[in-house]
């Protein structure tokens, strides 16, 4: 019987006071590429469930990408 990999978990919570979303990853979820795959799959699944078409998703990414990659220390990825 083939051994399956261990399940991994991402927990999202809101922090309205600080206007942020908190992410907690299970201890066995350490690979950044794997984190990115899980988070991007969740984003795309949400976008599809909301009925957004591909062009709307592209425009959303184009409009907000800099918020996640800025060099001023406030970027989401710098805080992970």
N, C-alpha and C. Protein backbone atom coordinates (compact mmCIF):
# COMPACT_ATOMS: atom_id res chain seq x y z
N UNK A 1 0.83 -1.18 0.00
CA UNK A 1 0.00 0.00 0.00
C UNK A 1 0.89 1.25 0.00
N UNK A 2 0.54 2.21 -0.83
CA UNK A 2 1.33 3.43 -0.94
C UNK A 2 1.05 4.36 0.24
N UNK A 3 2.12 4.85 0.86
CA UNK A 3 1.95 5.81 1.96
C UNK A 3 1.59 7.17 1.40
N UNK A 4 0.58 7.78 1.98
CA UNK A 4 0.16 9.13 1.58
C UNK A 4 0.94 10.14 2.39
N UNK A 5 1.18 11.34 1.81
CA UNK A 5 1.85 12.39 2.59
C UNK A 5 0.96 12.84 3.74
N UNK A 6 1.58 13.40 4.73
CA UNK A 6 0.85 13.91 5.88
C UNK A 6 0.01 15.12 5.48
N UNK A 7 -1.22 15.20 6.00
CA UNK A 7 -2.08 16.35 5.72
C UNK A 7 -1.45 17.62 6.28
N UNK A 8 -1.72 18.73 5.60
CA UNK A 8 -1.19 20.02 6.01
C UNK A 8 -2.35 20.98 6.16
N UNK A 9 -2.12 22.09 6.88
CA UNK A 9 -3.23 22.96 7.21
C UNK A 9 -2.82 24.43 7.16
N UNK A 10 -3.74 25.26 6.66
CA UNK A 10 -3.60 26.71 6.70
C UNK A 10 -4.84 27.23 7.41
N UNK A 11 -4.63 28.05 8.45
CA UNK A 11 -5.75 28.65 9.18
C UNK A 11 -5.71 30.15 8.93
N UNK A 12 -6.83 30.69 8.45
CA UNK A 12 -6.96 32.12 8.20
C UNK A 12 -7.89 32.72 9.24
N UNK A 13 -7.51 33.87 9.76
CA UNK A 13 -8.38 34.58 10.69
C UNK A 13 -8.30 36.07 10.38
N UNK A 14 -9.35 36.78 10.75
CA UNK A 14 -9.38 38.22 10.51
C UNK A 14 -8.93 38.96 11.75
N UNK A 15 -8.36 40.12 11.51
CA UNK A 15 -7.96 41.04 12.57
C UNK A 15 -8.43 42.41 12.14
N UNK A 16 -9.70 42.70 12.44
CA UNK A 16 -10.29 43.95 11.97
C UNK A 16 -9.63 45.16 12.61
N UNK A 17 -9.18 45.04 13.84
CA UNK A 17 -8.53 46.16 14.52
C UNK A 17 -7.31 46.63 13.74
N UNK A 18 -6.52 45.68 13.23
CA UNK A 18 -5.30 46.01 12.49
C UNK A 18 -5.48 45.92 10.97
N UNK A 19 -6.71 45.72 10.54
CA UNK A 19 -7.02 45.63 9.11
C UNK A 19 -6.15 44.60 8.41
N UNK A 20 -6.13 43.39 8.97
CA UNK A 20 -5.28 42.36 8.37
C UNK A 20 -5.94 40.99 8.44
N UNK A 21 -5.38 40.10 7.69
CA UNK A 21 -5.76 38.69 7.73
C UNK A 21 -4.55 37.93 8.23
N UNK A 22 -4.74 37.12 9.22
CA UNK A 22 -3.65 36.33 9.79
C UNK A 22 -3.64 34.95 9.17
N UNK A 23 -2.46 34.43 8.92
CA UNK A 23 -2.32 33.08 8.39
C UNK A 23 -1.43 32.27 9.32
N UNK A 24 -1.91 31.09 9.65
CA UNK A 24 -1.12 30.18 10.46
C UNK A 24 -0.98 28.88 9.68
N UNK A 25 0.26 28.43 9.51
CA UNK A 25 0.53 27.22 8.76
C UNK A 25 0.89 26.09 9.73
N UNK A 26 0.44 24.89 9.42
CA UNK A 26 0.81 23.75 10.26
C UNK A 26 2.33 23.58 10.25
N UNK A 27 2.85 23.00 11.30
CA UNK A 27 4.30 22.85 11.45
C UNK A 27 4.94 22.09 10.30
N UNK A 28 4.18 21.22 9.65
CA UNK A 28 4.75 20.44 8.55
C UNK A 28 4.60 21.13 7.19
N UNK A 29 4.10 22.35 7.18
CA UNK A 29 3.96 23.12 5.94
C UNK A 29 5.03 24.20 5.94
N UNK A 30 6.20 23.84 5.44
CA UNK A 30 7.35 24.74 5.50
C UNK A 30 7.85 25.19 4.13
N UNK A 31 7.47 24.49 3.08
CA UNK A 31 7.92 24.82 1.73
C UNK A 31 7.11 25.99 1.19
N UNK A 32 7.78 27.10 0.86
CA UNK A 32 7.08 28.29 0.37
C UNK A 32 6.32 28.03 -0.92
N UNK A 33 6.84 27.18 -1.78
CA UNK A 33 6.13 26.88 -3.03
C UNK A 33 4.83 26.13 -2.73
N UNK A 34 4.87 25.23 -1.76
CA UNK A 34 3.68 24.49 -1.39
C UNK A 34 2.65 25.42 -0.74
N UNK A 35 3.10 26.35 0.10
CA UNK A 35 2.20 27.35 0.69
C UNK A 35 1.55 28.15 -0.43
N UNK A 36 2.34 28.59 -1.39
CA UNK A 36 1.82 29.37 -2.50
C UNK A 36 0.81 28.61 -3.33
N UNK A 37 1.08 27.33 -3.55
CA UNK A 37 0.15 26.50 -4.32
C UNK A 37 -1.20 26.41 -3.60
N UNK A 38 -1.16 26.16 -2.30
CA UNK A 38 -2.40 26.02 -1.53
C UNK A 38 -3.17 27.34 -1.51
N UNK A 39 -2.48 28.45 -1.25
CA UNK A 39 -3.15 29.75 -1.18
C UNK A 39 -3.68 30.19 -2.54
N UNK A 40 -2.92 29.94 -3.60
CA UNK A 40 -3.40 30.36 -4.93
C UNK A 40 -4.56 29.48 -5.38
N UNK A 41 -4.53 28.21 -5.03
CA UNK A 41 -5.66 27.33 -5.37
C UNK A 41 -6.92 27.79 -4.64
N UNK A 42 -6.77 28.19 -3.37
CA UNK A 42 -7.92 28.69 -2.61
C UNK A 42 -8.45 29.98 -3.23
N UNK A 43 -7.55 30.88 -3.62
CA UNK A 43 -7.97 32.13 -4.26
C UNK A 43 -8.73 31.87 -5.55
N UNK A 44 -8.18 31.01 -6.40
CA UNK A 44 -8.84 30.73 -7.68
C UNK A 44 -10.18 30.03 -7.49
N UNK A 45 -10.26 29.13 -6.50
CA UNK A 45 -11.52 28.46 -6.21
C UNK A 45 -12.56 29.47 -5.74
N UNK A 46 -12.14 30.41 -4.89
CA UNK A 46 -13.06 31.45 -4.42
C UNK A 46 -13.51 32.32 -5.59
N UNK A 47 -12.58 32.76 -6.42
CA UNK A 47 -12.92 33.62 -7.55
C UNK A 47 -13.93 32.91 -8.47
N UNK A 48 -13.70 31.65 -8.74
CA UNK A 48 -14.61 30.89 -9.60
C UNK A 48 -15.98 30.75 -8.94
N UNK A 49 -16.00 30.51 -7.63
CA UNK A 49 -17.29 30.34 -6.95
C UNK A 49 -18.09 31.65 -6.92
N UNK A 50 -17.39 32.78 -7.03
CA UNK A 50 -18.05 34.08 -7.08
C UNK A 50 -18.47 34.47 -8.49
N UNK A 51 -18.14 33.62 -9.45
CA UNK A 51 -18.53 33.86 -10.83
C UNK A 51 -17.63 34.80 -11.59
N UNK A 52 -16.42 35.08 -11.05
CA UNK A 52 -15.50 35.96 -11.76
C UNK A 52 -14.93 35.23 -12.97
N UNK A 53 -14.84 35.93 -14.08
CA UNK A 53 -14.20 35.33 -15.25
C UNK A 53 -12.70 35.61 -15.21
N UNK A 54 -11.96 35.01 -16.12
CA UNK A 54 -10.51 35.13 -16.11
C UNK A 54 -10.05 36.58 -16.21
N UNK A 55 -10.71 37.37 -17.04
CA UNK A 55 -10.31 38.77 -17.20
C UNK A 55 -10.51 39.54 -15.90
N UNK A 56 -11.58 39.27 -15.17
CA UNK A 56 -11.81 39.95 -13.89
C UNK A 56 -10.73 39.58 -12.87
N UNK A 57 -10.31 38.32 -12.87
CA UNK A 57 -9.24 37.89 -11.96
C UNK A 57 -7.93 38.58 -12.35
N UNK A 58 -7.64 38.65 -13.65
CA UNK A 58 -6.42 39.33 -14.12
C UNK A 58 -6.43 40.79 -13.69
N UNK A 59 -7.56 41.46 -13.85
CA UNK A 59 -7.66 42.86 -13.46
C UNK A 59 -7.52 43.04 -11.95
N UNK A 60 -8.06 42.10 -11.16
CA UNK A 60 -7.92 42.16 -9.71
C UNK A 60 -6.45 42.02 -9.31
N UNK A 61 -5.75 41.10 -9.92
CA UNK A 61 -4.33 40.92 -9.62
C UNK A 61 -3.55 42.15 -10.05
N UNK A 62 -3.82 42.66 -11.24
CA UNK A 62 -3.11 43.86 -11.71
C UNK A 62 -3.34 45.05 -10.79
N UNK A 63 -4.53 45.17 -10.23
CA UNK A 63 -4.87 46.31 -9.39
C UNK A 63 -4.27 46.23 -7.99
N UNK A 64 -4.07 45.01 -7.47
CA UNK A 64 -3.70 44.86 -6.06
C UNK A 64 -2.37 44.17 -5.80
N UNK A 65 -1.67 43.74 -6.83
CA UNK A 65 -0.44 42.96 -6.64
C UNK A 65 0.61 43.71 -5.83
N UNK A 66 0.75 45.01 -6.08
CA UNK A 66 1.77 45.80 -5.38
C UNK A 66 1.55 45.84 -3.87
N UNK A 67 0.30 45.71 -3.43
CA UNK A 67 0.02 45.69 -2.00
C UNK A 67 0.69 44.49 -1.32
N UNK A 68 0.94 43.45 -2.07
CA UNK A 68 1.51 42.23 -1.52
C UNK A 68 3.01 42.14 -1.68
N UNK A 69 3.59 43.01 -2.50
CA UNK A 69 5.01 42.88 -2.79
C UNK A 69 5.80 44.16 -2.54
N UNK A 70 5.18 45.15 -1.92
CA UNK A 70 5.85 46.44 -1.70
C UNK A 70 7.12 46.31 -0.88
N UNK A 71 8.03 47.26 -1.06
CA UNK A 71 9.32 47.24 -0.37
C UNK A 71 9.31 47.98 0.96
N UNK A 72 8.16 48.47 1.40
CA UNK A 72 8.13 49.29 2.60
C UNK A 72 7.90 48.50 3.90
N UNK A 73 7.99 47.19 3.84
CA UNK A 73 7.82 46.38 5.05
C UNK A 73 6.38 46.04 5.36
N UNK A 74 5.44 46.61 4.63
CA UNK A 74 4.03 46.33 4.91
C UNK A 74 3.48 45.22 4.03
N UNK A 75 4.29 44.70 3.14
CA UNK A 75 3.76 43.71 2.20
C UNK A 75 3.38 42.43 2.93
N UNK A 76 2.35 41.79 2.42
CA UNK A 76 1.88 40.54 3.00
C UNK A 76 2.99 39.51 3.04
N UNK A 77 3.75 39.38 1.96
CA UNK A 77 4.77 38.34 1.89
C UNK A 77 5.94 38.60 2.83
N UNK A 78 6.20 39.84 3.11
CA UNK A 78 7.28 40.16 4.07
C UNK A 78 6.86 39.81 5.49
N UNK A 79 5.53 39.79 5.75
CA UNK A 79 5.02 39.50 7.08
C UNK A 79 4.82 38.01 7.34
N UNK A 80 4.86 37.18 6.30
CA UNK A 80 4.63 35.74 6.48
C UNK A 80 5.79 35.08 7.18
